[in-house]
All heavy atoms as atom14 arrays in JSON, in Angstrom:
{
  "sequence": "VRNVAFEKQVSVRYTFNQWKSLHEVCAHWHGSIPEKNGQDQIDVFSFF",
  "atom14_mask": [
    [1, 1, 1, 1, 1, 1, 1, 0, 0, 0, 0, 0, 0, 0],
    [1, 1, 1, 1, 1, 1, 1, 1, 1, 1, 1, 0, 0, 0],
    [1, 1, 1, 1, 1, 1, 1, 1, 0, 0, 0, 0, 0, 0],
    [1, 1, 1, 1, 1, 1, 1, 0, 0, 0, 0, 0, 0, 0],
    [1, 1, 1, 1, 1, 0, 0, 0, 0, 0, 0, 0, 0, 0],
    [1, 1, 1, 1, 1, 1, 1, 1, 1, 1, 1, 0, 0, 0],
    [1, 1, 1, 1, 1, 1, 1, 1, 1, 0, 0, 0, 0, 0],
    [1, 1, 1, 1, 1, 1, 1, 1, 1, 0, 0, 0, 0, 0],
    [1, 1, 1, 1, 1, 1, 1, 1, 1, 0, 0, 0, 0, 0],
    [1, 1, 1, 1, 1, 1, 1, 0, 0, 0, 0, 0, 0, 0],
    [1, 1, 1, 1, 1, 1, 0, 0, 0, 0, 0, 0, 0, 0],
    [1, 1, 1, 1, 1, 1, 1, 0, 0, 0, 0, 0, 0, 0],
    [1, 1, 1, 1, 1, 1, 1, 1, 1, 1, 1, 0, 0, 0],
    [1, 1, 1, 1, 1, 1, 1, 1, 1, 1, 1, 1, 0, 0],
    [1, 1, 1, 1, 1, 1, 1, 0, 0, 0, 0, 0, 0, 0],
    [1, 1, 1, 1, 1, 1, 1, 1, 1, 1, 1, 0, 0, 0],
    [1, 1, 1, 1, 1, 1, 1, 1, 0, 0, 0, 0, 0, 0],
    [1, 1, 1, 1, 1, 1, 1, 1, 1, 0, 0, 0, 0, 0],
    [1, 1, 1, 1, 1, 1, 1, 1, 1, 1, 1, 1, 1, 1],
    [1, 1, 1, 1, 1, 1, 1, 1, 1, 0, 0, 0, 0, 0],
    [1, 1, 1, 1, 1, 1, 0, 0, 0, 0, 0, 0, 0, 0],
    [1, 1, 1, 1, 1, 1, 1, 1, 0, 0, 0, 0, 0, 0],
    [1, 1, 1, 1, 1, 1, 1, 1, 1, 1, 0, 0, 0, 0],
    [1, 1, 1, 1, 1, 1, 1, 1, 1, 0, 0, 0, 0, 0],
    [1, 1, 1, 1, 1, 1, 1, 0, 0, 0, 0, 0, 0, 0],
    [1, 1, 1, 1, 1, 1, 0, 0, 0, 0, 0, 0, 0, 0],
    [1, 1, 1, 1, 1, 0, 0, 0, 0, 0, 0, 0, 0, 0],
    [1, 1, 1, 1, 1, 1, 1, 1, 1, 1, 0, 0, 0, 0],
    [1, 1, 1, 1, 1, 1, 1, 1, 1, 1, 1, 1, 1, 1],
    [1, 1, 1, 1, 1, 1, 1, 1, 1, 1, 0, 0, 0, 0],
    [1, 1, 1, 1, 0, 0, 0, 0, 0, 0, 0, 0, 0, 0],
    [1, 1, 1, 1, 1, 1, 0, 0, 0, 0, 0, 0, 0, 0],
    [1, 1, 1, 1, 1, 1, 1, 1, 0, 0, 0, 0, 0, 0],
    [1, 1, 1, 1, 1, 1, 1, 0, 0, 0, 0, 0, 0, 0],
    [1, 1, 1, 1, 1, 1, 1, 1, 1, 0, 0, 0, 0, 0],
    [1, 1, 1, 1, 1, 1, 1, 1, 1, 0, 0, 0, 0, 0],
    [1, 1, 1, 1, 1, 1, 1, 1, 0, 0, 0, 0, 0, 0],
    [1, 1, 1, 1, 0, 0, 0, 0, 0, 0, 0, 0, 0, 0],
    [1, 1, 1, 1, 1, 1, 1, 1, 1, 0, 0, 0, 0, 0],
    [1, 1, 1, 1, 1, 1, 1, 1, 0, 0, 0, 0, 0, 0],
    [1, 1, 1, 1, 1, 1, 1, 1, 1, 0, 0, 0, 0, 0],
    [1, 1, 1, 1, 1, 1, 1, 1, 0, 0, 0, 0, 0, 0],
    [1, 1, 1, 1, 1, 1, 1, 1, 0, 0, 0, 0, 0, 0],
    [1, 1, 1, 1, 1, 1, 1, 0, 0, 0, 0, 0, 0, 0],
    [1, 1, 1, 1, 1, 1, 1, 1, 1, 1, 1, 0, 0, 0],
    [1, 1, 1, 1, 1, 1, 0, 0, 0, 0, 0, 0, 0, 0],
    [1, 1, 1, 1, 1, 1, 1, 1, 1, 1, 1, 0, 0, 0],
    [1, 1, 1, 1, 1, 1, 1, 1, 1, 1, 1, 0, 0, 0]
  ],
  "atom14_positions": [
    [[8.74, -16.4, 12.78], [7.84, -17.42, 12.21], [8.51, -18.78, 12.37], [9.69, -18.92, 12.45], [7.58, -17.17, 10.68], [6.9, -15.79, 10.52], [8.93, -17.18, 9.89], [0.0, 0.0, 0.0], [0.0, 0.0, 0.0], [0.0, 0.0, 0.0], [0.0, 0.0, 0.0], [0.0, 0.0, 0.0], [0.0, 0.0, 0.0], [0.0, 0.0, 0.0]],
    [[7.65, -19.81, 12.45], [8.11, -21.17, 12.51], [8.62, -21.62, 11.13], [7.93, -21.32, 10.12], [7.05, -22.07, 13.04], [6.66, -21.82, 14.53], [5.61, -22.82, 14.96], [6.11, -24.19, 14.92], [5.45, -25.27, 15.15], [4.06, -25.16, 15.38], [5.95, -26.46, 15.03], [0.0, 0.0, 0.0], [0.0, 0.0, 0.0], [0.0, 0.0, 0.0]],
    [[9.71, -22.28, 11.1], [10.28, -22.71, 9.83], [9.51, -23.99, 9.36], [10.1, -25.11, 9.41], [11.77, -22.96, 9.98], [12.48, -23.23, 8.67], [11.97, -22.85, 7.62], [13.65, -23.85, 8.72], [0.0, 0.0, 0.0], [0.0, 0.0, 0.0], [0.0, 0.0, 0.0], [0.0, 0.0, 0.0], [0.0, 0.0, 0.0], [0.0, 0.0, 0.0]],
    [[8.34, -23.8, 8.87], [7.56, -24.89, 8.37], [8.12, -25.46, 7.06], [8.17, -26.61, 6.83], [6.08, -24.5, 8.21], [5.22, -25.64, 7.74], [5.57, -24.0, 9.57], [0.0, 0.0, 0.0], [0.0, 0.0, 0.0], [0.0, 0.0, 0.0], [0.0, 0.0, 0.0], [0.0, 0.0, 0.0], [0.0, 0.0, 0.0], [0.0, 0.0, 0.0]],
    [[8.5, -24.54, 6.12], [9.1, -24.93, 4.88], [10.08, -23.87, 4.46], [10.09, -22.75, 4.99], [7.98, -25.11, 3.83], [0.0, 0.0, 0.0], [0.0, 0.0, 0.0], [0.0, 0.0, 0.0], [0.0, 0.0, 0.0], [0.0, 0.0, 0.0], [0.0, 0.0, 0.0], [0.0, 0.0, 0.0], [0.0, 0.0, 0.0], [0.0, 0.0, 0.0]],
    [[10.91, -24.22, 3.47], [11.94, -23.29, 3.08], [11.34, -22.09, 2.36], [11.67, -20.94, 2.57], [12.94, -24.01, 2.14], [14.03, -23.06, 1.62], [15.13, -22.74, 2.42], [13.93, -22.56, 0.34], [16.08, -21.88, 1.94], [14.98, -21.72, -0.16], [16.01, -21.39, 0.67], [0.0, 0.0, 0.0], [0.0, 0.0, 0.0], [0.0, 0.0, 0.0]],
    [[10.41, -22.34, 1.42], [9.75, -21.27, 0.68], [8.64, -20.68, 1.57], [7.7, -21.35, 1.99], [9.11, -21.8, -0.6], [10.16, -22.28, -1.6], [10.98, -21.16, -2.2], [10.51, -20.0, -2.14], [12.1, -21.43, -2.69], [0.0, 0.0, 0.0], [0.0, 0.0, 0.0], [0.0, 0.0, 0.0], [0.0, 0.0, 0.0], [0.0, 0.0, 0.0]],
    [[8.81, -19.41, 1.89], [7.84, -18.73, 2.75], [7.82, -17.23, 2.39], [8.79, -16.68, 1.76], [8.18, -18.9, 4.21], [9.56, -18.43, 4.58], [9.86, -18.53, 6.05], [9.97, -20.01, 6.45], [11.24, -20.64, 5.92], [0.0, 0.0, 0.0], [0.0, 0.0, 0.0], [0.0, 0.0, 0.0], [0.0, 0.0, 0.0], [0.0, 0.0, 0.0]],
    [[6.73, -16.57, 2.75], [6.6, -15.11, 2.51], [5.97, -14.47, 3.73], [4.94, -14.93, 4.22], [5.83, -14.84, 1.32], [5.69, -13.36, 0.96], [4.89, -13.09, -0.34], [4.52, -14.04, -1.04], [4.7, -11.79, -0.73], [0.0, 0.0, 0.0], [0.0, 0.0, 0.0], [0.0, 0.0, 0.0], [0.0, 0.0, 0.0], [0.0, 0.0, 0.0]],
    [[6.62, -13.45, 4.26], [6.15, -12.7, 5.39], [5.94, -11.26, 4.97], [6.77, -10.64, 4.32], [7.18, -12.79, 6.58], [6.61, -12.05, 7.77], [7.45, -14.22, 6.93], [0.0, 0.0, 0.0], [0.0, 0.0, 0.0], [0.0, 0.0, 0.0], [0.0, 0.0, 0.0], [0.0, 0.0, 0.0], [0.0, 0.0, 0.0], [0.0, 0.0, 0.0]],
    [[4.8, -10.69, 5.39], [4.44, -9.3, 5.0], [3.7, -8.67, 6.17], [3.33, -9.36, 7.12], [3.65, -9.19, 3.73], [2.42, -9.94, 3.87], [0.0, 0.0, 0.0], [0.0, 0.0, 0.0], [0.0, 0.0, 0.0], [0.0, 0.0, 0.0], [0.0, 0.0, 0.0], [0.0, 0.0, 0.0], [0.0, 0.0, 0.0], [0.0, 0.0, 0.0]],
    [[3.55, -7.33, 6.06], [2.88, -6.54, 7.08], [1.82, -5.7, 6.38], [2.16, -4.96, 5.44], [3.85, -5.67, 7.87], [3.07, -4.82, 8.86], [4.92, -6.5, 8.57], [0.0, 0.0, 0.0], [0.0, 0.0, 0.0], [0.0, 0.0, 0.0], [0.0, 0.0, 0.0], [0.0, 0.0, 0.0], [0.0, 0.0, 0.0], [0.0, 0.0, 0.0]],
    [[0.61, -5.79, 6.81], [-0.51, -5.0, 6.29], [-0.86, -3.9, 7.29], [-1.07, -4.2, 8.48], [-1.68, -5.89, 6.0], [-2.84, -5.15, 5.32], [-3.96, -6.16, 4.88], [-3.45, -7.02, 3.83], [-4.19, -8.01, 3.24], [-5.4, -8.22, 3.61], [-3.62, -8.76, 2.32], [0.0, 0.0, 0.0], [0.0, 0.0, 0.0], [0.0, 0.0, 0.0]],
    [[-0.85, -2.62, 6.88], [-1.08, -1.56, 7.78], [-2.05, -0.52, 7.17], [-2.25, -0.48, 5.93], [0.2, -0.89, 8.22], [1.01, -0.27, 7.1], [1.03, 1.09, 6.89], [1.74, -1.01, 6.19], [1.72, 1.71, 5.86], [2.46, -0.48, 5.19], [2.45, 0.9, 5.04], [3.19, 1.5, 3.99], [0.0, 0.0, 0.0], [0.0, 0.0, 0.0]],
    [[-2.54, 0.38, 8.05], [-3.52, 1.43, 7.66], [-3.35, 2.6, 8.5], [-2.85, 2.51, 9.67], [-4.9, 0.91, 7.74], [-5.81, 1.98, 7.32], [-5.29, 0.52, 9.15], [0.0, 0.0, 0.0], [0.0, 0.0, 0.0], [0.0, 0.0, 0.0], [0.0, 0.0, 0.0], [0.0, 0.0, 0.0], [0.0, 0.0, 0.0], [0.0, 0.0, 0.0]],
    [[-3.68, 3.81, 7.98], [-3.63, 5.08, 8.71], [-5.04, 5.61, 8.99], [-5.15, 6.6, 9.7], [-2.85, 6.11, 7.9], [-1.46, 5.77, 7.63], [-1.01, 5.51, 6.28], [-0.51, 5.66, 8.64], [0.29, 5.2, 6.06], [0.79, 5.33, 8.36], [1.17, 5.11, 7.06], [0.0, 0.0, 0.0], [0.0, 0.0, 0.0], [0.0, 0.0, 0.0]],
    [[-6.06, 4.98, 8.45], [-7.41, 5.59, 8.59], [-8.45, 4.49, 8.9], [-9.51, 4.39, 8.28], [-7.84, 6.2, 7.26], [-7.63, 5.37, 6.03], [-7.44, 4.17, 6.17], [-7.67, 5.95, 4.88], [0.0, 0.0, 0.0], [0.0, 0.0, 0.0], [0.0, 0.0, 0.0], [0.0, 0.0, 0.0], [0.0, 0.0, 0.0], [0.0, 0.0, 0.0]],
    [[-8.09, 3.61, 9.89], [-9.04, 2.68, 10.36], [-9.5, 1.7, 9.31], [-10.66, 1.36, 9.19], [-10.26, 3.32, 11.05], [-9.88, 4.22, 12.2], [-9.39, 3.46, 13.4], [-9.72, 2.33, 13.62], [-8.54, 4.16, 14.22], [0.0, 0.0, 0.0], [0.0, 0.0, 0.0], [0.0, 0.0, 0.0], [0.0, 0.0, 0.0], [0.0, 0.0, 0.0]],
    [[-8.58, 1.27, 8.42], [-8.82, 0.26, 7.42], [-9.7, 0.72, 6.29], [-10.25, -0.08, 5.5], [-9.33, -1.02, 7.96], [-8.39, -1.62, 9.0], [-8.55, -1.62, 10.34], [-7.1, -2.2, 8.78], [-7.47, -2.21, 10.98], [-6.58, -2.6, 10.0], [-6.37, -2.49, 7.61], [-5.37, -3.25, 10.19], [-5.15, -3.14, 7.76], [-4.61, -3.5, 9.04]],
    [[-9.91, 2.05, 6.15], [-10.65, 2.56, 4.96], [-9.77, 2.34, 3.72], [-10.31, 2.11, 2.6], [-10.98, 3.99, 5.17], [-11.95, 4.27, 6.27], [-12.25, 5.79, 6.41], [-13.16, 6.0, 7.59], [-13.45, 7.46, 7.82], [0.0, 0.0, 0.0], [0.0, 0.0, 0.0], [0.0, 0.0, 0.0], [0.0, 0.0, 0.0], [0.0, 0.0, 0.0]],
    [[-8.5, 2.45, 3.87], [-7.51, 2.1, 2.83], [-6.4, 1.4, 3.59], [-6.08, 1.67, 4.7], [-7.01, 3.31, 2.02], [-6.4, 4.22, 2.93], [0.0, 0.0, 0.0], [0.0, 0.0, 0.0], [0.0, 0.0, 0.0], [0.0, 0.0, 0.0], [0.0, 0.0, 0.0], [0.0, 0.0, 0.0], [0.0, 0.0, 0.0], [0.0, 0.0, 0.0]],
    [[-5.66, 0.54, 2.83], [-4.6, -0.24, 3.45], [-3.37, -0.3, 2.54], [-3.49, -0.1, 1.31], [-5.09, -1.61, 3.87], [-5.71, -2.51, 2.74], [-4.66, -3.33, 2.03], [-6.78, -3.44, 3.36], [0.0, 0.0, 0.0], [0.0, 0.0, 0.0], [0.0, 0.0, 0.0], [0.0, 0.0, 0.0], [0.0, 0.0, 0.0], [0.0, 0.0, 0.0]],
    [[-2.25, -0.59, 3.12], [-0.97, -0.76, 2.45], [-0.29, -2.04, 2.94], [-0.62, -2.54, 4.01], [-0.06, 0.4, 2.63], [-0.75, 1.77, 2.39], [-0.76, 2.37, 1.15], [-1.36, 2.61, 3.27], [-1.4, 3.52, 1.24], [-1.75, 3.69, 2.52], [0.0, 0.0, 0.0], [0.0, 0.0, 0.0], [0.0, 0.0, 0.0], [0.0, 0.0, 0.0]],
    [[0.55, -2.57, 2.17], [1.22, -3.78, 2.56], [2.74, -3.8, 2.07], [2.96, -3.35, 0.89], [0.56, -5.08, 2.02], [1.11, -6.35, 2.54], [0.11, -7.52, 2.24], [-0.98, -7.28, 1.76], [0.53, -8.68, 2.5], [0.0, 0.0, 0.0], [0.0, 0.0, 0.0], [0.0, 0.0, 0.0], [0.0, 0.0, 0.0], [0.0, 0.0, 0.0]],
    [[3.6, -4.15, 2.94], [5.04, -4.23, 2.62], [5.55, -5.64, 2.93], [5.04, -6.31, 3.85], [5.85, -3.16, 3.4], [5.45, -1.78, 2.99], [5.68, -3.31, 4.89], [0.0, 0.0, 0.0], [0.0, 0.0, 0.0], [0.0, 0.0, 0.0], [0.0, 0.0, 0.0], [0.0, 0.0, 0.0], [0.0, 0.0, 0.0], [0.0, 0.0, 0.0]],
    [[6.54, -6.08, 2.18], [7.17, -7.39, 2.41], [8.26, -7.26, 3.47], [9.0, -6.3, 3.47], [7.76, -7.91, 1.13], [6.47, -8.34, -0.14], [0.0, 0.0, 0.0], [0.0, 0.0, 0.0], [0.0, 0.0, 0.0], [0.0, 0.0, 0.0], [0.0, 0.0, 0.0], [0.0, 0.0, 0.0], [0.0, 0.0, 0.0], [0.0, 0.0, 0.0]],
    [[8.36, -8.27, 4.27], [9.4, -8.35, 5.31], [10.55, -9.21, 4.67], [10.35, -10.01, 3.86], [8.9, -9.02, 6.57], [0.0, 0.0, 0.0], [0.0, 0.0, 0.0], [0.0, 0.0, 0.0], [0.0, 0.0, 0.0], [0.0, 0.0, 0.0], [0.0, 0.0, 0.0], [0.0, 0.0, 0.0], [0.0, 0.0, 0.0], [0.0, 0.0, 0.0]],
    [[11.76, -8.89, 5.14], [12.95, -9.56, 4.65], [13.58, -10.46, 5.67], [13.58, -10.09, 6.89], [13.96, -8.52, 4.13], [13.42, -7.6, 3.07], [13.28, -7.93, 1.74], [12.9, -6.34, 3.17], [12.72, -6.97, 1.06], [12.5, -5.98, 1.89], [0.0, 0.0, 0.0], [0.0, 0.0, 0.0], [0.0, 0.0, 0.0], [0.0, 0.0, 0.0]],
    [[14.15, -11.59, 5.22], [14.78, -12.48, 6.15], [15.92, -11.86, 6.87], [16.8, -11.22, 6.22], [15.2, -13.72, 5.38], [15.77, -14.82, 6.27], [15.09, -15.76, 6.96], [17.15, -15.07, 6.51], [15.93, -16.59, 7.67], [17.21, -16.18, 7.44], [18.36, -14.45, 6.19], [18.43, -16.65, 7.92], [19.52, -14.9, 6.62], [19.57, -16.04, 7.5]],
    [[15.96, -12.02, 8.16], [17.01, -11.31, 8.98], [17.97, -12.32, 9.62], [19.1, -12.03, 9.76], [16.34, -10.47, 10.12], [17.31, -9.74, 10.94], [18.06, -8.65, 10.46], [17.75, -9.91, 12.19], [18.82, -8.21, 11.43], [18.65, -8.93, 12.51], [0.0, 0.0, 0.0], [0.0, 0.0, 0.0], [0.0, 0.0, 0.0], [0.0, 0.0, 0.0]],
    [[17.43, -13.49, 10.0], [18.32, -14.52, 10.59], [17.48, -15.68, 11.05], [16.23, -15.76, 10.81], [0.0, 0.0, 0.0], [0.0, 0.0, 0.0], [0.0, 0.0, 0.0], [0.0, 0.0, 0.0], [0.0, 0.0, 0.0], [0.0, 0.0, 0.0], [0.0, 0.0, 0.0], [0.0, 0.0, 0.0], [0.0, 0.0, 0.0], [0.0, 0.0, 0.0]],
    [[18.11, -16.66, 11.68], [17.43, -17.86, 12.2], [17.83, -18.15, 13.61], [18.97, -17.79, 14.04], [17.78, -19.08, 11.3], [17.33, -18.85, 9.95], [0.0, 0.0, 0.0], [0.0, 0.0, 0.0], [0.0, 0.0, 0.0], [0.0, 0.0, 0.0], [0.0, 0.0, 0.0], [0.0, 0.0, 0.0], [0.0, 0.0, 0.0], [0.0, 0.0, 0.0]],
    [[16.92, -18.77, 14.34], [17.17, -19.2, 15.72], [17.11, -20.73, 15.7], [16.12, -21.34, 15.27], [16.13, -18.63, 16.71], [16.12, -17.09, 16.61], [16.42, -19.12, 18.07], [15.02, -16.47, 17.46], [0.0, 0.0, 0.0], [0.0, 0.0, 0.0], [0.0, 0.0, 0.0], [0.0, 0.0, 0.0], [0.0, 0.0, 0.0], [0.0, 0.0, 0.0]],
    [[18.17, -21.42, 16.11], [18.17, -22.91, 16.05], [17.17, -23.53, 16.94], [16.5, -22.87, 17.79], [19.59, -23.29, 16.54], [20.07, -22.09, 17.36], [19.4, -20.86, 16.74], [0.0, 0.0, 0.0], [0.0, 0.0, 0.0], [0.0, 0.0, 0.0], [0.0, 0.0, 0.0], [0.0, 0.0, 0.0], [0.0, 0.0, 0.0], [0.0, 0.0, 0.0]],
    [[16.97, -24.85, 16.72], [15.94, -25.58, 17.54], [16.27, -25.52, 18.99], [17.47, -25.59, 19.38], [15.9, -27.03, 16.99], [15.52, -27.13, 15.55], [15.47, -28.6, 15.11], [15.69, -29.5, 16.0], [15.24, -28.86, 13.92], [0.0, 0.0, 0.0], [0.0, 0.0, 0.0], [0.0, 0.0, 0.0], [0.0, 0.0, 0.0], [0.0, 0.0, 0.0]],
    [[15.25, -25.54, 19.84], [15.41, -25.44, 21.25], [14.27, -26.1, 21.93], [13.08, -25.86, 21.66], [15.56, -23.97, 21.69], [15.84, -23.79, 23.15], [15.93, -22.28, 23.49], [16.23, -22.09, 24.94], [16.31, -20.64, 25.29], [0.0, 0.0, 0.0], [0.0, 0.0, 0.0], [0.0, 0.0, 0.0], [0.0, 0.0, 0.0], [0.0, 0.0, 0.0]],
    [[14.59, -27.05, 22.88], [13.59, -27.75, 23.66], [12.58, -28.45, 22.77], [11.38, -28.48, 23.0], [12.83, -26.85, 24.62], [13.8, -26.2, 25.65], [14.78, -26.77, 26.04], [13.46, -24.99, 26.04], [0.0, 0.0, 0.0], [0.0, 0.0, 0.0], [0.0, 0.0, 0.0], [0.0, 0.0, 0.0], [0.0, 0.0, 0.0], [0.0, 0.0, 0.0]],
    [[13.13, -29.08, 21.69], [12.23, -29.82, 20.8], [11.38, -29.02, 19.86], [10.6, -29.55, 19.12], [0.0, 0.0, 0.0], [0.0, 0.0, 0.0], [0.0, 0.0, 0.0], [0.0, 0.0, 0.0], [0.0, 0.0, 0.0], [0.0, 0.0, 0.0], [0.0, 0.0, 0.0], [0.0, 0.0, 0.0], [0.0, 0.0, 0.0], [0.0, 0.0, 0.0]],
    [[11.51, -27.63, 19.91], [10.77, -26.8, 19.03], [11.47, -26.64, 17.65], [12.69, -26.88, 17.57], [10.51, -25.47, 19.67], [9.74, -25.51, 20.95], [9.52, -24.14, 21.61], [10.07, -23.15, 21.06], [8.79, -24.07, 22.67], [0.0, 0.0, 0.0], [0.0, 0.0, 0.0], [0.0, 0.0, 0.0], [0.0, 0.0, 0.0], [0.0, 0.0, 0.0]],
    [[10.7, -26.3, 16.63], [11.24, -26.14, 15.33], [12.13, -24.93, 15.27], [12.1, -24.08, 16.1], [10.12, -26.05, 14.28], [9.27, -27.31, 14.23], [9.76, -28.36, 14.53], [8.07, -27.17, 13.82], [0.0, 0.0, 0.0], [0.0, 0.0, 0.0], [0.0, 0.0, 0.0], [0.0, 0.0, 0.0], [0.0, 0.0, 0.0], [0.0, 0.0, 0.0]],
    [[12.93, -24.9, 14.22], [13.76, -23.71, 13.96], [12.92, -22.48, 13.68], [11.86, -22.56, 13.05], [14.72, -23.96, 12.79], [15.63, -22.82, 12.48], [16.57, -23.12, 11.28], [16.66, -24.23, 10.91], [17.1, -22.05, 10.7], [0.0, 0.0, 0.0], [0.0, 0.0, 0.0], [0.0, 0.0, 0.0], [0.0, 0.0, 0.0], [0.0, 0.0, 0.0]],
    [[13.35, -21.31, 14.18], [12.62, -20.08, 14.03], [13.34, -19.19, 13.06], [14.59, -18.98, 13.18], [12.47, -19.41, 15.43], [11.75, -20.34, 16.37], [11.58, -18.11, 15.23], [10.38, -20.79, 15.98], [0.0, 0.0, 0.0], [0.0, 0.0, 0.0], [0.0, 0.0, 0.0], [0.0, 0.0, 0.0], [0.0, 0.0, 0.0], [0.0, 0.0, 0.0]],
    [[12.65, -18.59, 12.15], [13.18, -17.57, 11.23], [12.7, -16.19, 11.66], [11.53, -16.01, 12.05], [12.75, -17.81, 9.76], [13.45, -19.01, 9.2], [14.56, -19.36, 9.64], [12.93, -19.61, 8.21], [0.0, 0.0, 0.0], [0.0, 0.0, 0.0], [0.0, 0.0, 0.0], [0.0, 0.0, 0.0], [0.0, 0.0, 0.0], [0.0, 0.0, 0.0]],
    [[13.62, -15.24, 11.62], [13.33, -13.87, 11.98], [13.35, -12.94, 10.73], [14.29, -13.05, 9.91], [14.37, -13.33, 13.01], [14.04, -11.93, 13.45], [14.44, -14.25, 14.23], [0.0, 0.0, 0.0], [0.0, 0.0, 0.0], [0.0, 0.0, 0.0], [0.0, 0.0, 0.0], [0.0, 0.0, 0.0], [0.0, 0.0, 0.0], [0.0, 0.0, 0.0]],
    [[12.24, -12.19, 10.56], [12.12, -11.32, 9.43], [12.02, -9.86, 9.98], [11.43, -9.6, 11.04], [10.8, -11.61, 8.62], [10.95, -12.82, 7.72], [10.92, -14.15, 8.32], [11.17, -12.74, 6.37], [11.03, -15.24, 7.52], [11.29, -13.86, 5.6], [11.23, -15.13, 6.16], [0.0, 0.0, 0.0], [0.0, 0.0, 0.0], [0.0, 0.0, 0.0]],
    [[12.56, -8.9, 9.26], [12.51, -7.55, 9.58], [11.7, -6.75, 8.56], [11.62, -7.1, 7.4], [13.95, -6.91, 9.61], [14.61, -7.0, 8.44], [0.0, 0.0, 0.0], [0.0, 0.0, 0.0], [0.0, 0.0, 0.0], [0.0, 0.0, 0.0], [0.0, 0.0, 0.0], [0.0, 0.0, 0.0], [0.0, 0.0, 0.0], [0.0, 0.0, 0.0]],
    [[11.06, -5.67, 9.06], [10.22, -4.85, 8.18], [10.32, -3.4, 8.51], [10.86, -3.04, 9.6], [8.76, -5.34, 8.26], [8.13, -5.02, 9.65], [7.45, -3.86, 9.92], [8.24, -5.98, 10.67], [6.96, -3.6, 11.19], [7.69, -5.76, 11.91], [7.07, -4.59, 12.2], [0.0, 0.0, 0.0], [0.0, 0.0, 0.0], [0.0, 0.0, 0.0]],
    [[9.87, -2.52, 7.56], [9.88, -1.12, 7.83], [8.65, -0.55, 7.15], [8.31, -0.81, 6.01], [11.11, -0.48, 7.16], [11.1, 1.04, 7.23], [11.39, 1.69, 8.45], [10.8, 1.81, 6.11], [11.36, 3.06, 8.49], [10.78, 3.16, 6.19], [11.04, 3.8, 7.37], [0.0, 0.0, 0.0], [0.0, 0.0, 0.0], [0.0, 0.0, 0.0]]
  ]
}
């Protein structure tokens, strides 16, 4: 994700039955990628 602001929330929404029912889990901060070629800093989140 682009590091637009410090406070952020990343999650994953998934389903097993073609969206008849759904589940959602939160992703956790894993690391950061510094600025490159004038682009903003990138944050990396991991999920399970």
